[in-house]
Amino acid sequence: MTYELVMPDLGATGAEIVISEWLVKPNEFVRAGSPVFTVTTDKAEMEVEAFRDGYIHQILIPAGSAVTPGSVVAL
C-alpha cells in the first residue's frame, strides 16, 4: 500500500515553507521518527520526521521548492 507523505502544519505564521534538503533518497527505507527532510520557515529551520515505517518511493517536491501545509511531498 502506498501512503502520501504530507507537509505537516508547523505553526509557521508566514505562508511559505521551503523544503531545504531531502535527507533520504527514493527507494530508501525510513523508520517512524527518523528525519526525512529539512524545511525553512519564516521563523526557523527544522527537520520533518517520518510518521510511519516505510520506503520513500518517489519525491514529488524537489529541494528549494515552497509548499503549504497539507501538500503531498512524497510517496
N, C-alpha and C. Protein backbone atom coordinates (compact mmCIF):
# COMPACT_ATOMS: atom_id res chain seq x y z
N MET A 1 0.84 -1.18 0.00
CA MET A 1 0.00 0.00 0.00
C MET A 1 0.88 1.24 0.00
N THR A 2 0.51 2.22 -0.77
CA THR A 2 1.26 3.47 -0.87
C THR A 2 0.58 4.53 0.00
N TYR A 3 1.41 5.24 0.77
CA TYR A 3 0.92 6.33 1.60
C TYR A 3 1.52 7.63 1.11
N GLU A 4 0.82 8.71 1.34
CA GLU A 4 1.32 10.03 0.98
C GLU A 4 2.06 10.62 2.17
N LEU A 5 3.22 11.21 1.90
CA LEU A 5 3.96 11.96 2.92
C LEU A 5 3.53 13.41 2.75
N VAL A 6 2.86 13.93 3.76
CA VAL A 6 2.24 15.25 3.70
C VAL A 6 3.01 16.23 4.56
N MET A 7 3.16 17.46 4.05
CA MET A 7 3.81 18.52 4.84
C MET A 7 2.92 18.84 6.04
N PRO A 8 3.45 18.66 7.26
CA PRO A 8 2.64 18.95 8.43
C PRO A 8 2.49 20.46 8.64
N ASP A 9 1.51 20.84 9.44
CA ASP A 9 1.34 22.23 9.84
C ASP A 9 2.37 22.49 10.92
N LEU A 10 3.37 23.28 10.61
CA LEU A 10 4.48 23.52 11.54
C LEU A 10 4.26 24.74 12.41
N GLY A 11 3.11 25.36 12.30
CA GLY A 11 2.83 26.53 13.10
C GLY A 11 3.53 27.78 12.59
N ALA A 12 4.00 27.76 11.38
CA ALA A 12 4.67 28.93 10.80
C ALA A 12 3.63 30.00 10.52
N THR A 13 3.96 31.23 10.85
CA THR A 13 2.99 32.31 10.66
C THR A 13 2.97 32.79 9.22
N GLY A 14 4.07 32.63 8.51
CA GLY A 14 4.11 33.01 7.09
C GLY A 14 3.50 31.90 6.25
N ALA A 15 3.17 32.23 5.02
CA ALA A 15 2.53 31.26 4.14
C ALA A 15 3.54 30.32 3.50
N GLU A 16 4.82 30.67 3.52
CA GLU A 16 5.80 29.90 2.76
C GLU A 16 6.64 28.99 3.64
N ILE A 17 6.68 27.73 3.27
CA ILE A 17 7.57 26.74 3.87
C ILE A 17 8.40 26.20 2.71
N VAL A 18 9.71 26.25 2.84
CA VAL A 18 10.59 25.80 1.76
C VAL A 18 11.28 24.51 2.18
N ILE A 19 11.21 23.49 1.33
CA ILE A 19 11.95 22.26 1.57
C ILE A 19 13.41 22.56 1.28
N SER A 20 14.24 22.56 2.30
CA SER A 20 15.65 22.92 2.15
C SER A 20 16.48 21.77 1.59
N GLU A 21 16.24 20.58 2.12
CA GLU A 21 17.07 19.43 1.74
C GLU A 21 16.33 18.13 2.03
N TRP A 22 16.43 17.20 1.13
CA TRP A 22 15.93 15.85 1.36
C TRP A 22 17.04 15.05 2.02
N LEU A 23 16.75 14.36 3.10
CA LEU A 23 17.73 13.57 3.84
C LEU A 23 17.67 12.10 3.45
N VAL A 24 16.75 11.75 2.56
CA VAL A 24 16.59 10.38 2.07
C VAL A 24 16.54 10.41 0.55
N LYS A 25 16.71 9.24 -0.04
CA LYS A 25 16.65 9.10 -1.50
C LYS A 25 15.47 8.17 -1.85
N PRO A 26 14.99 8.26 -3.08
CA PRO A 26 13.93 7.33 -3.50
C PRO A 26 14.36 5.88 -3.27
N ASN A 27 13.41 5.06 -2.88
CA ASN A 27 13.57 3.63 -2.58
C ASN A 27 14.35 3.36 -1.30
N GLU A 28 14.59 4.38 -0.50
CA GLU A 28 15.27 4.21 0.79
C GLU A 28 14.23 3.94 1.88
N PHE A 29 14.54 3.01 2.77
CA PHE A 29 13.65 2.67 3.89
C PHE A 29 13.85 3.68 5.01
N VAL A 30 12.76 4.14 5.60
CA VAL A 30 12.82 5.05 6.75
C VAL A 30 11.99 4.47 7.90
N ARG A 31 12.40 4.76 9.09
CA ARG A 31 11.66 4.35 10.29
C ARG A 31 10.87 5.56 10.82
N ALA A 32 9.73 5.28 11.42
CA ALA A 32 8.93 6.34 12.04
C ALA A 32 9.81 7.10 13.03
N GLY A 33 9.76 8.42 12.96
CA GLY A 33 10.54 9.26 13.85
C GLY A 33 11.89 9.67 13.31
N SER A 34 12.31 9.07 12.19
CA SER A 34 13.60 9.46 11.61
C SER A 34 13.41 10.66 10.70
N PRO A 35 14.39 11.58 10.64
CA PRO A 35 14.25 12.76 9.79
C PRO A 35 14.24 12.39 8.31
N VAL A 36 13.33 13.04 7.56
CA VAL A 36 13.18 12.76 6.14
C VAL A 36 13.65 13.95 5.30
N PHE A 37 13.30 15.16 5.73
CA PHE A 37 13.75 16.37 5.02
C PHE A 37 13.80 17.53 5.99
N THR A 38 14.49 18.60 5.58
CA THR A 38 14.55 19.82 6.38
C THR A 38 13.75 20.90 5.66
N VAL A 39 13.18 21.80 6.46
CA VAL A 39 12.42 22.91 5.91
C VAL A 39 12.89 24.21 6.54
N THR A 40 12.65 25.29 5.82
CA THR A 40 12.91 26.63 6.33
C THR A 40 11.58 27.37 6.32
N THR A 41 11.25 27.96 7.46
CA THR A 41 10.04 28.78 7.57
C THR A 41 10.47 30.21 7.86
N ASP A 42 9.49 31.07 8.09
CA ASP A 42 9.81 32.46 8.42
C ASP A 42 10.47 32.58 9.79
N LYS A 43 10.41 31.51 10.61
CA LYS A 43 10.96 31.58 11.96
C LYS A 43 12.16 30.68 12.22
N ALA A 44 12.26 29.56 11.50
CA ALA A 44 13.31 28.60 11.85
C ALA A 44 13.57 27.62 10.72
N GLU A 45 14.65 26.86 10.88
CA GLU A 45 14.90 25.70 10.04
C GLU A 45 14.74 24.48 10.92
N MET A 46 14.05 23.45 10.42
CA MET A 46 13.79 22.27 11.24
C MET A 46 13.71 21.03 10.38
N GLU A 47 13.82 19.87 11.03
CA GLU A 47 13.68 18.59 10.35
C GLU A 47 12.24 18.11 10.46
N VAL A 48 11.77 17.45 9.42
CA VAL A 48 10.46 16.82 9.43
C VAL A 48 10.70 15.31 9.46
N GLU A 49 10.03 14.63 10.38
CA GLU A 49 10.24 13.20 10.59
C GLU A 49 9.18 12.36 9.89
N ALA A 50 9.56 11.10 9.62
CA ALA A 50 8.61 10.13 9.05
C ALA A 50 7.54 9.82 10.09
N PHE A 51 6.32 9.66 9.63
CA PHE A 51 5.20 9.36 10.53
C PHE A 51 5.02 7.87 10.72
N ARG A 52 5.60 7.06 9.82
CA ARG A 52 5.48 5.61 9.90
C ARG A 52 6.68 4.99 9.20
N ASP A 53 6.92 3.71 9.46
CA ASP A 53 7.96 2.97 8.76
C ASP A 53 7.54 2.78 7.31
N GLY A 54 8.52 2.80 6.41
CA GLY A 54 8.22 2.52 5.02
C GLY A 54 9.31 2.99 4.08
N TYR A 55 9.07 2.81 2.80
CA TYR A 55 10.01 3.22 1.76
C TYR A 55 9.55 4.53 1.14
N ILE A 56 10.50 5.39 0.83
CA ILE A 56 10.21 6.60 0.07
C ILE A 56 10.29 6.19 -1.40
N HIS A 57 9.15 6.02 -2.04
CA HIS A 57 9.13 5.57 -3.43
C HIS A 57 9.44 6.69 -4.40
N GLN A 58 8.87 7.87 -4.14
CA GLN A 58 9.03 8.97 -5.08
C GLN A 58 8.99 10.29 -4.33
N ILE A 59 9.94 11.16 -4.62
CA ILE A 59 9.94 12.52 -4.09
C ILE A 59 9.21 13.39 -5.10
N LEU A 60 8.14 14.03 -4.69
CA LEU A 60 7.30 14.81 -5.60
C LEU A 60 7.69 16.29 -5.65
N ILE A 61 8.23 16.81 -4.55
CA ILE A 61 8.58 18.23 -4.46
C ILE A 61 10.09 18.33 -4.25
N PRO A 62 10.83 18.91 -5.18
CA PRO A 62 12.28 18.97 -5.04
C PRO A 62 12.72 20.00 -3.99
N ALA A 63 13.94 19.82 -3.49
CA ALA A 63 14.53 20.78 -2.55
C ALA A 63 14.56 22.16 -3.20
N GLY A 64 14.30 23.17 -2.39
CA GLY A 64 14.26 24.55 -2.88
C GLY A 64 12.87 25.02 -3.23
N SER A 65 11.89 24.12 -3.20
CA SER A 65 10.51 24.46 -3.55
C SER A 65 9.71 24.86 -2.32
N ALA A 66 8.82 25.83 -2.52
CA ALA A 66 7.92 26.27 -1.46
C ALA A 66 6.65 25.42 -1.49
N VAL A 67 6.16 25.06 -0.30
CA VAL A 67 4.94 24.28 -0.18
C VAL A 67 4.07 24.85 0.94
N THR A 68 2.84 24.40 1.00
CA THR A 68 1.94 24.79 2.08
C THR A 68 1.61 23.56 2.91
N PRO A 69 1.21 23.75 4.16
CA PRO A 69 0.82 22.60 4.98
C PRO A 69 -0.28 21.81 4.27
N GLY A 70 -0.16 20.49 4.33
CA GLY A 70 -1.13 19.62 3.69
C GLY A 70 -0.72 19.17 2.30
N SER A 71 0.34 19.78 1.74
CA SER A 71 0.81 19.38 0.41
C SER A 71 1.46 18.01 0.48
N VAL A 72 1.20 17.19 -0.53
CA VAL A 72 1.84 15.88 -0.63
C VAL A 72 3.23 16.12 -1.21
N VAL A 73 4.28 15.72 -0.47
CA VAL A 73 5.66 15.98 -0.90
C VAL A 73 6.36 14.72 -1.39
N ALA A 74 5.88 13.54 -0.99
CA ALA A 74 6.50 12.28 -1.42
C ALA A 74 5.50 11.14 -1.23
N LEU A 75 5.81 10.02 -1.88
CA LEU A 75 5.02 8.80 -1.72
C LEU A 75 5.90 7.73 -1.11
